[in-house]
Amino acid sequence: MKAQIQAAVAELFPKLLDIRGHIHAHPELSFQEFETTAYIKRQLDELGISYEDHFTETGLVAYIKGQQPERKTIALRADIDALPIQETNQVDYVSKHPGIMHACGHDVHTTCLLGAAGILHRLRDQFSGTIKLIFQPGEERLPGGASLMIKAGVLEQPRVETIIGQHVHPPLEVGKIGLKPGLYMASADELFVTITGQGGHAALPEDLIDPIIVMNALLPALRAAVNSAQPASIPTVLAFGKVMANGATNVIPDKVHIEGTLRTMDEDWRARIHDILRTKAAEIAQQHDCEIDMDVRKGYPCLVNDAALTSKAKAWAQEYLGEENVVDLPIRMTAEDFSFYSHQVPGCFFRLGTGNPAKGITSPVHTSTFDIDQEALKVGAGMMAWMAYKQLEA
């Protein structure tokens, strides 16, 4: 089976390049992936693979049914949305949509899942069970497309026993993958803070409640309060990346708006931080005789790779790629809505090496110059097909 999958990947590679080129050149933002979904449907129709598209407006699920399809059901997942970034690469497949780019590799994930679909459909008489191929919208935006598809029943009828997903990883050289069992990625919450004071002429500070001064007291106080309560063993990030204070050189505004992120690796501690932030904001508001609205929008939970499944996946990857091409990964403070799946069924989320320093392919994700060594498409499609087969065999 390994030889058959590898041969099929080699044969399909020109098609994978075409698919990835098209999707990369036509990116769409979260929950607006209508043309992307239509393109995926056309590819599935060409392969003769059935699908359903009622889970969300732009998500769909395809089905590969082997022998005895009711025996066992597993899932493979890819996300399909892009980011609001202006691409600066000089490539034939550069984004044709101004200000939108597949800078996080979701075009790669989708291409690899379509490649795996073609391989598994071709070999469906050689395994038993059903494979759900989840093409999921909105990974980059709350509440996360995964949460919506789960609510719509994507893991049911038939019930999924395990799920596997992958993500591009530029620091890892093409030809390799990386895994980590257990706690792997952080939770992610969005923070929206509005400080309302009393603005006016900057030359008359005695008449003002300056929200900028309050902000300068609030932000370090929030950080100090979290740091003082933080358990030493739990990584935590509290950061604010956007400040809007629409005043002028001699005008103090009435309001300041601040936006930030909160990430950690423990759900109980995460809930405590929410309380700490709201309590400290109320204290600072009272001290400065102003109003502070602390809006904590709960996002993705921590991503937990099932230990047993991930251990098996590592062994399967070593069998497919060779031990030297499978690496152990550390925890990451980035977040992924695949985490929603991992809290429902045993899941494994692995990293696909896409970097190639010799070719100058080193740019991180979420940058205007992100790209991949496209040989990674062979590895990603082959690994997804191989892991699906091995799950059904297990």
Protein backbone atom coordinates (compact mmCIF):
# COMPACT_ATOMS: atom_id res chain seq x y z
CA MET A 1 0.00 0.00 0.00
CA LYS A 2 2.83 2.42 0.80
CA ALA A 3 4.34 1.87 -2.64
CA GLN A 4 0.97 2.36 -4.29
CA ILE A 5 0.36 5.63 -2.43
CA GLN A 6 3.82 6.96 -3.24
CA ALA A 7 3.40 6.04 -6.90
CA ALA A 8 0.00 7.72 -7.01
CA VAL A 9 1.42 10.89 -5.42
CA ALA A 10 4.17 11.06 -8.03
CA GLU A 11 1.62 10.62 -10.81
CA LEU A 12 -0.71 13.26 -9.35
CA PHE A 13 2.00 15.84 -8.62
CA PRO A 14 1.40 17.99 -11.75
CA LYS A 15 -2.30 18.10 -10.83
CA LEU A 16 -1.45 19.07 -7.25
CA LEU A 17 0.66 21.95 -8.56
CA ASP A 18 -2.27 23.16 -10.65
CA ILE A 19 -4.69 22.92 -7.73
CA ARG A 20 -2.41 24.70 -5.32
CA GLY A 21 -1.62 27.39 -7.90
CA HIS A 22 -5.32 28.07 -8.51
CA ILE A 23 -6.29 28.19 -4.83
CA HIS A 24 -3.28 30.35 -3.93
CA ALA A 25 -4.06 32.80 -6.71
CA HIS A 26 -7.73 33.09 -5.68
CA PRO A 27 -7.74 33.46 -1.87
CA GLU A 28 -10.87 34.32 0.08
CA LEU A 29 -11.29 35.54 3.64
CA SER A 30 -12.88 33.56 6.47
CA PHE A 31 -16.51 32.56 5.88
CA GLN A 32 -16.39 34.14 2.41
CA GLU A 33 -14.82 31.12 0.66
CA PHE A 34 -17.65 30.64 -1.87
CA GLU A 35 -15.48 30.34 -4.98
CA THR A 36 -12.96 28.16 -3.14
CA THR A 37 -15.73 25.77 -2.12
CA ALA A 38 -17.10 25.73 -5.67
CA TYR A 39 -13.61 24.87 -6.95
CA ILE A 40 -13.25 22.04 -4.43
CA LYS A 41 -16.62 20.67 -5.55
CA ARG A 42 -15.46 20.68 -9.17
CA GLN A 43 -12.35 18.72 -8.23
CA LEU A 44 -14.41 16.18 -6.28
CA ASP A 45 -16.89 15.88 -9.15
CA GLU A 46 -14.02 15.08 -11.53
CA LEU A 47 -12.92 12.32 -9.18
CA GLY A 48 -16.43 10.96 -8.76
CA ILE A 49 -16.38 11.54 -5.00
CA SER A 50 -19.66 12.33 -3.22
CA TYR A 51 -19.96 15.22 -0.76
CA GLU A 52 -22.38 17.20 1.42
CA ASP A 53 -22.34 20.99 1.76
CA HIS A 54 -25.02 21.73 4.36
CA PHE A 55 -22.77 22.01 7.44
CA THR A 56 -21.92 25.70 6.92
CA GLU A 57 -22.31 28.11 4.02
CA THR A 58 -18.82 27.41 2.69
CA GLY A 59 -17.77 24.14 4.33
CA LEU A 60 -18.24 20.70 2.89
CA VAL A 61 -17.54 17.06 3.67
CA ALA A 62 -16.59 14.43 1.10
CA TYR A 63 -16.77 10.68 1.63
CA ILE A 64 -14.46 7.86 0.61
CA LYS A 65 -16.14 4.52 1.27
CA GLY A 66 -14.10 1.37 1.25
CA GLN A 67 -15.21 -2.19 1.84
CA GLN A 68 -17.68 -2.53 4.75
CA PRO A 69 -18.06 1.27 5.04
CA GLU A 70 -20.00 1.00 8.30
CA ARG A 71 -17.13 -0.80 10.10
CA LYS A 72 -15.23 2.33 11.11
CA THR A 73 -15.23 6.05 10.26
CA ILE A 74 -12.23 8.36 10.52
CA ALA A 75 -11.73 11.95 9.37
CA LEU A 76 -9.11 14.07 7.65
CA ARG A 77 -9.40 17.86 7.85
CA ALA A 78 -8.16 20.87 5.86
CA ASP A 79 -8.98 24.56 6.33
CA ILE A 80 -9.71 26.69 3.27
CA ASP A 81 -9.65 30.40 4.25
CA ALA A 82 -6.97 33.05 3.68
CA LEU A 83 -5.66 36.12 5.51
CA PRO A 84 -5.98 39.92 4.97
CA ILE A 85 -2.37 40.33 3.80
CA GLN A 86 -1.05 41.88 0.57
CA GLU A 87 1.21 39.33 -1.11
CA THR A 88 4.63 40.53 -2.32
CA ASN A 89 5.93 37.29 -3.82
CA GLN A 90 7.01 37.32 -7.46
CA VAL A 91 5.53 34.00 -8.58
CA ASP A 92 3.19 32.85 -11.34
CA TYR A 93 0.52 31.93 -8.80
CA VAL A 94 0.62 35.22 -6.84
CA SER A 95 -2.69 36.30 -5.31
CA LYS A 96 -5.03 38.00 -7.76
CA HIS A 97 -7.14 39.43 -4.93
CA PRO A 98 -5.65 42.67 -3.51
CA GLY A 99 -5.07 42.55 0.23
CA ILE A 100 -5.85 38.83 0.55
CA MET A 101 -3.28 36.04 0.63
CA HIS A 102 -2.90 32.40 1.57
CA ALA A 103 -0.16 33.39 4.01
CA CYS A 104 -0.88 30.56 6.45
CA GLY A 105 -0.76 27.69 3.97
CA HIS A 106 -4.41 26.73 3.89
CA ASP A 107 -4.11 26.43 0.11
CA VAL A 108 -1.51 23.73 0.79
CA HIS A 109 -3.74 21.94 3.30
CA THR A 110 -6.66 21.93 0.86
CA THR A 111 -4.49 20.75 -2.03
CA CYS A 112 -3.06 17.91 0.04
CA LEU A 113 -6.51 16.78 1.15
CA LEU A 114 -7.75 16.80 -2.44
CA GLY A 115 -4.66 14.81 -3.39
CA ALA A 116 -5.33 12.32 -0.60
CA ALA A 117 -8.95 12.12 -1.77
CA GLY A 118 -7.87 11.11 -5.26
CA ILE A 119 -5.46 8.49 -3.95
CA LEU A 120 -7.87 6.97 -1.44
CA HIS A 121 -10.74 6.90 -3.93
CA ARG A 122 -8.48 5.02 -6.35
CA LEU A 123 -7.52 2.49 -3.67
CA ARG A 124 -10.90 2.21 -1.93
CA ASP A 125 -11.25 -1.51 -2.66
CA GLN A 126 -8.15 -2.18 -0.56
CA PHE A 127 -9.38 -0.97 2.83
CA SER A 128 -12.50 -1.20 4.99
CA GLY A 129 -14.39 1.71 6.50
CA THR A 130 -15.31 5.29 5.66
CA ILE A 131 -13.14 8.41 5.46
CA LYS A 132 -14.70 11.82 5.97
CA LEU A 133 -12.78 14.60 4.22
CA ILE A 134 -13.60 17.84 6.04
CA PHE A 135 -12.99 21.04 4.05
CA GLN A 136 -13.51 23.63 6.75
CA PRO A 137 -14.00 27.40 6.46
CA GLY A 138 -13.05 30.17 8.85
CA GLU A 139 -10.07 28.85 10.79
CA GLU A 140 -8.60 32.36 11.04
CA ARG A 141 -11.60 34.04 12.62
CA LEU A 142 -13.70 33.53 15.73
CA PRO A 143 -15.74 31.55 16.52
CA GLY A 144 -13.75 29.22 14.26
CA GLY A 145 -15.25 27.20 11.44
CA ALA A 146 -14.47 23.98 13.29
CA SER A 147 -16.83 24.90 16.13
CA LEU A 148 -19.63 25.67 13.67
CA MET A 149 -19.17 22.45 11.71
CA ILE A 150 -19.13 20.41 14.90
CA LYS A 151 -22.40 22.05 16.00
CA ALA A 152 -23.84 21.18 12.58
CA GLY A 153 -22.97 17.51 13.15
CA VAL A 154 -19.85 17.02 11.06
CA LEU A 155 -18.51 14.39 13.48
CA GLU A 156 -21.78 12.44 13.54
CA GLN A 157 -23.80 10.18 11.23
CA PRO A 158 -21.59 8.24 11.07
CA ARG A 159 -19.67 9.07 14.23
CA VAL A 160 -16.00 9.83 13.64
CA GLU A 161 -13.63 7.75 15.77
CA THR A 162 -10.41 9.71 15.11
CA ILE A 163 -9.36 12.81 13.17
CA ILE A 164 -6.06 13.97 11.66
CA GLY A 165 -5.03 17.39 10.38
CA GLN A 166 -1.81 19.01 9.24
CA HIS A 167 -0.27 22.48 9.06
CA VAL A 168 2.60 23.90 7.04
CA HIS A 169 5.77 24.60 9.02
CA PRO A 170 8.45 26.72 7.31
CA PRO A 171 11.13 26.09 10.00
CA LEU A 172 10.95 22.37 9.16
CA GLU A 173 12.70 21.32 5.97
CA VAL A 174 10.62 19.89 3.16
CA GLY A 175 10.45 16.09 3.31
CA LYS A 176 9.97 16.04 7.08
CA ILE A 177 7.02 16.16 9.44
CA GLY A 178 6.82 16.93 13.15
CA LEU A 179 4.51 15.77 15.93
CA LYS A 180 3.93 16.25 19.65
CA PRO A 181 1.63 14.07 21.78
CA GLY A 182 -0.53 15.64 24.46
CA LEU A 183 -0.82 19.38 25.03
CA TYR A 184 0.52 21.04 21.89
CA MET A 185 -0.98 24.47 21.15
CA ALA A 186 -2.39 27.30 23.25
CA SER A 187 -5.88 28.54 23.80
CA ALA A 188 -6.57 31.93 22.22
CA ASP A 189 -8.90 34.66 23.48
CA GLU A 190 -9.39 38.14 22.04
CA LEU A 191 -9.39 41.18 24.31
CA PHE A 192 -11.27 44.39 23.48
CA VAL A 193 -10.88 47.21 26.00
CA THR A 194 -12.55 50.62 25.92
CA ILE A 195 -11.48 53.31 28.37
CA THR A 196 -13.94 56.21 28.63
CA GLY A 197 -12.71 59.35 30.35
CA GLN A 198 -13.34 63.03 29.71
CA GLY A 199 -11.46 64.61 26.87
CA GLY A 200 -10.80 68.20 26.01
CA HIS A 201 -8.01 70.71 25.53
CA ALA A 202 -4.62 69.26 26.34
CA ALA A 203 -3.57 72.55 27.97
CA LEU A 204 -6.25 72.13 30.66
CA PRO A 205 -5.41 68.79 32.30
CA GLU A 206 -7.22 69.75 35.51
CA ASP A 207 -10.50 69.56 33.57
CA LEU A 208 -9.82 66.15 32.05
CA ILE A 209 -9.85 62.45 32.80
CA ASP A 210 -7.22 61.46 30.26
CA PRO A 211 -7.93 57.94 28.93
CA ILE A 212 -4.39 57.70 27.56
CA ILE A 213 -2.96 58.20 31.05
CA VAL A 214 -5.39 55.56 32.31
CA MET A 215 -4.25 53.18 29.57
CA ASN A 216 -0.64 53.69 30.65
CA ALA A 217 -1.64 52.60 34.14
CA LEU A 218 -3.93 49.80 33.04
CA LEU A 219 -1.72 47.77 30.72
CA PRO A 220 1.21 47.19 33.11
CA ALA A 221 -1.25 46.59 35.94
CA LEU A 222 -2.97 43.86 33.95
CA ARG A 223 0.33 42.22 33.12
CA ALA A 224 1.54 42.43 36.73
CA ALA A 225 -1.70 40.96 38.07
CA VAL A 226 -1.51 38.01 35.70
CA ASN A 227 2.21 37.45 36.31
CA SER A 228 1.80 37.46 40.08
CA ALA A 229 -0.87 34.76 39.96
CA GLN A 230 0.56 32.69 37.13
CA PRO A 231 1.62 29.12 37.99
CA ALA A 232 5.26 28.71 37.00
CA SER A 233 4.54 25.59 34.97
CA ILE A 234 1.92 27.14 32.67
CA PRO A 235 3.12 29.25 29.71
CA THR A 236 1.01 32.38 29.23
CA VAL A 237 1.01 35.28 26.79
CA LEU A 238 -0.84 38.56 27.37
CA ALA A 239 -0.19 41.12 24.66
CA PHE A 240 -1.87 44.17 23.17
CA GLY A 241 -1.20 44.95 19.53
CA LYS A 242 -3.69 47.69 18.67
CA VAL A 243 -4.38 51.07 20.30
CA MET A 244 -6.80 53.66 18.92
CA ALA A 245 -6.88 57.11 20.52
CA ASN A 246 -8.35 59.60 18.08
CA GLY A 247 -7.05 62.83 19.54
CA ALA A 248 -4.60 65.42 18.24
CA THR A 249 -1.52 67.30 19.40
CA ASN A 250 -3.63 69.47 21.69
CA VAL A 251 -6.80 67.35 21.94
CA ILE A 252 -7.28 64.61 24.50
CA PRO A 253 -9.92 62.11 23.29
CA ASP A 254 -12.81 60.88 25.39
CA LYS A 255 -12.07 57.24 24.62
CA VAL A 256 -9.21 54.88 23.97
CA HIS A 257 -9.78 51.48 22.37
CA ILE A 258 -7.26 48.67 22.90
CA GLU A 259 -7.17 45.19 21.37
CA GLY A 260 -5.05 42.25 22.42
CA THR A 261 -4.65 38.52 22.78
CA LEU A 262 -4.52 36.08 25.68
CA ARG A 263 -2.97 32.64 25.25
CA THR A 264 -2.23 29.89 27.70
CA MET A 265 -1.97 26.11 28.02
CA ASP A 266 -4.40 25.31 30.83
CA GLU A 267 -8.18 25.72 30.70
CA ASP A 268 -8.67 26.28 34.46
CA TRP A 269 -5.93 28.92 34.56
CA ARG A 270 -7.42 30.49 31.43
CA ALA A 271 -10.74 31.01 33.24
CA ARG A 272 -8.94 32.51 36.25
CA ILE A 273 -7.13 35.00 34.01
CA HIS A 274 -10.46 36.22 32.66
CA ASP A 275 -11.54 37.04 36.22
CA ILE A 276 -8.18 38.66 37.03
CA LEU A 277 -8.38 40.94 33.99
CA ARG A 278 -11.92 42.09 34.73
CA THR A 279 -11.17 42.65 38.43
CA LYS A 280 -8.02 44.66 37.77
CA ALA A 281 -9.77 46.76 35.10
CA ALA A 282 -12.51 47.62 37.60
CA GLU A 283 -9.90 48.64 40.20
CA ILE A 284 -8.08 50.93 37.75
CA ALA A 285 -11.36 52.46 36.62
CA GLN A 286 -12.28 53.29 40.21
CA GLN A 287 -8.85 54.77 40.91
CA HIS A 288 -9.06 57.07 37.90
CA ASP A 289 -12.77 57.88 38.10
CA CYS A 290 -13.43 56.57 34.59
CA GLU A 291 -15.13 53.68 32.85
CA ILE A 292 -13.29 50.63 31.54
CA ASP A 293 -15.14 48.03 29.51
CA MET A 294 -13.14 44.78 29.44
CA ASP A 295 -14.59 42.49 26.76
CA VAL A 296 -12.95 39.05 26.85
CA ARG A 297 -14.07 37.06 23.81
CA LYS A 298 -13.40 33.40 24.40
CA GLY A 299 -11.76 31.80 21.41
CA TYR A 300 -10.15 28.46 20.67
CA PRO A 301 -9.33 26.00 23.45
CA CYS A 302 -5.94 24.38 23.93
CA LEU A 303 -5.09 21.83 21.27
CA VAL A 304 -4.47 18.39 22.75
CA ASN A 305 -3.09 15.63 20.55
CA ASP A 306 -4.36 12.26 21.70
CA ALA A 307 -1.32 10.46 23.08
CA ALA A 308 -2.18 7.00 21.74
CA LEU A 309 -3.16 8.20 18.26
CA THR A 310 -0.15 10.51 17.98
CA SER A 311 2.20 7.71 19.02
CA LYS A 312 0.74 5.55 16.27
CA ALA A 313 0.89 8.43 13.79
CA LYS A 314 4.58 8.90 14.55
CA ALA A 315 5.26 5.23 13.87
CA TRP A 316 3.21 5.39 10.64
CA ALA A 317 5.12 8.48 9.53
CA GLN A 318 8.45 6.82 10.23
CA GLU A 319 7.35 3.84 8.18
CA TYR A 320 6.32 6.10 5.28
CA LEU A 321 9.10 8.74 5.37
CA GLY A 322 11.91 7.10 7.34
CA GLU A 323 12.79 7.74 10.99
CA GLU A 324 15.21 10.54 10.12
CA ASN A 325 12.37 12.57 8.60
CA VAL A 326 10.03 12.51 11.62
CA VAL A 327 10.85 14.95 14.42
CA ASP A 328 9.50 15.72 17.88
CA LEU A 329 8.09 19.22 18.35
CA PRO A 330 7.84 21.52 21.39
CA ILE A 331 4.64 23.21 22.51
CA ARG A 332 3.55 26.32 20.59
CA MET A 333 1.79 29.44 21.86
CA THR A 334 0.03 29.79 18.53
CA ALA A 335 -3.54 28.54 18.31
CA GLU A 336 -5.65 26.47 15.92
CA ASP A 337 -9.34 25.74 15.77
CA PHE A 338 -8.51 22.08 15.08
CA SER A 339 -8.48 22.14 18.90
CA PHE A 340 -12.28 21.98 18.87
CA TYR A 341 -12.10 18.60 17.14
CA SER A 342 -9.43 17.41 19.57
CA HIS A 343 -11.82 18.02 22.48
CA GLN A 344 -14.52 15.89 20.84
CA VAL A 345 -12.66 12.86 19.45
CA PRO A 346 -9.07 11.59 19.57
CA GLY A 347 -7.08 13.80 17.21
CA CYS A 348 -3.58 14.26 15.85
CA PHE A 349 -2.42 17.56 14.38
CA PHE A 350 1.02 17.36 12.78
CA ARG A 351 3.38 19.80 11.07
CA LEU A 352 4.35 19.50 7.42
CA GLY A 353 7.86 20.68 6.57
CA THR A 354 7.73 23.27 3.78
CA GLY A 355 11.01 25.16 4.12
CA ASN A 356 14.07 25.01 1.88
CA PRO A 357 16.87 27.42 2.85
CA ALA A 358 18.91 26.44 -0.22
CA LYS A 359 16.10 27.82 -2.39
CA GLY A 360 15.53 30.84 -0.14
CA ILE A 361 12.17 29.50 1.06
CA THR A 362 12.30 30.53 4.70
CA SER A 363 9.58 33.16 5.26
CA PRO A 364 7.30 32.51 8.25
CA VAL A 365 3.55 32.11 7.98
CA HIS A 366 1.44 35.28 8.22
CA THR A 367 3.99 37.27 6.20
CA SER A 368 3.67 38.77 2.71
CA THR A 369 6.52 36.59 1.39
CA PHE A 370 5.39 33.24 2.76
CA ASP A 371 5.73 30.39 0.26
CA ILE A 372 6.60 26.71 0.24
CA ASP A 373 8.85 24.26 -1.51
CA GLN A 374 6.10 22.61 -3.52
CA GLU A 375 7.67 19.18 -3.10
CA ALA A 376 5.86 19.38 0.24
CA LEU A 377 2.60 18.73 -1.63
CA LYS A 378 3.78 15.19 -2.31
CA VAL A 379 4.57 14.61 1.35
CA GLY A 380 1.36 16.20 2.63
CA ALA A 381 -0.98 14.37 0.26
CA GLY A 382 0.83 11.07 0.73
CA MET A 383 0.92 11.34 4.51
CA MET A 384 -2.80 12.13 4.75
CA ALA A 385 -3.65 9.14 2.53
CA TRP A 386 -1.24 6.84 4.38
CA MET A 387 -2.46 7.89 7.84
CA ALA A 388 -6.07 7.42 6.80
CA TYR A 389 -5.31 3.91 5.58
CA LYS A 390 -3.38 3.05 8.75
CA GLN A 391 -6.18 4.38 10.98
CA LEU A 392 -8.69 2.14 9.24
CA GLU A 393 -6.34 -0.81 9.56
CA ALA A 394 -5.74 -0.21 13.28
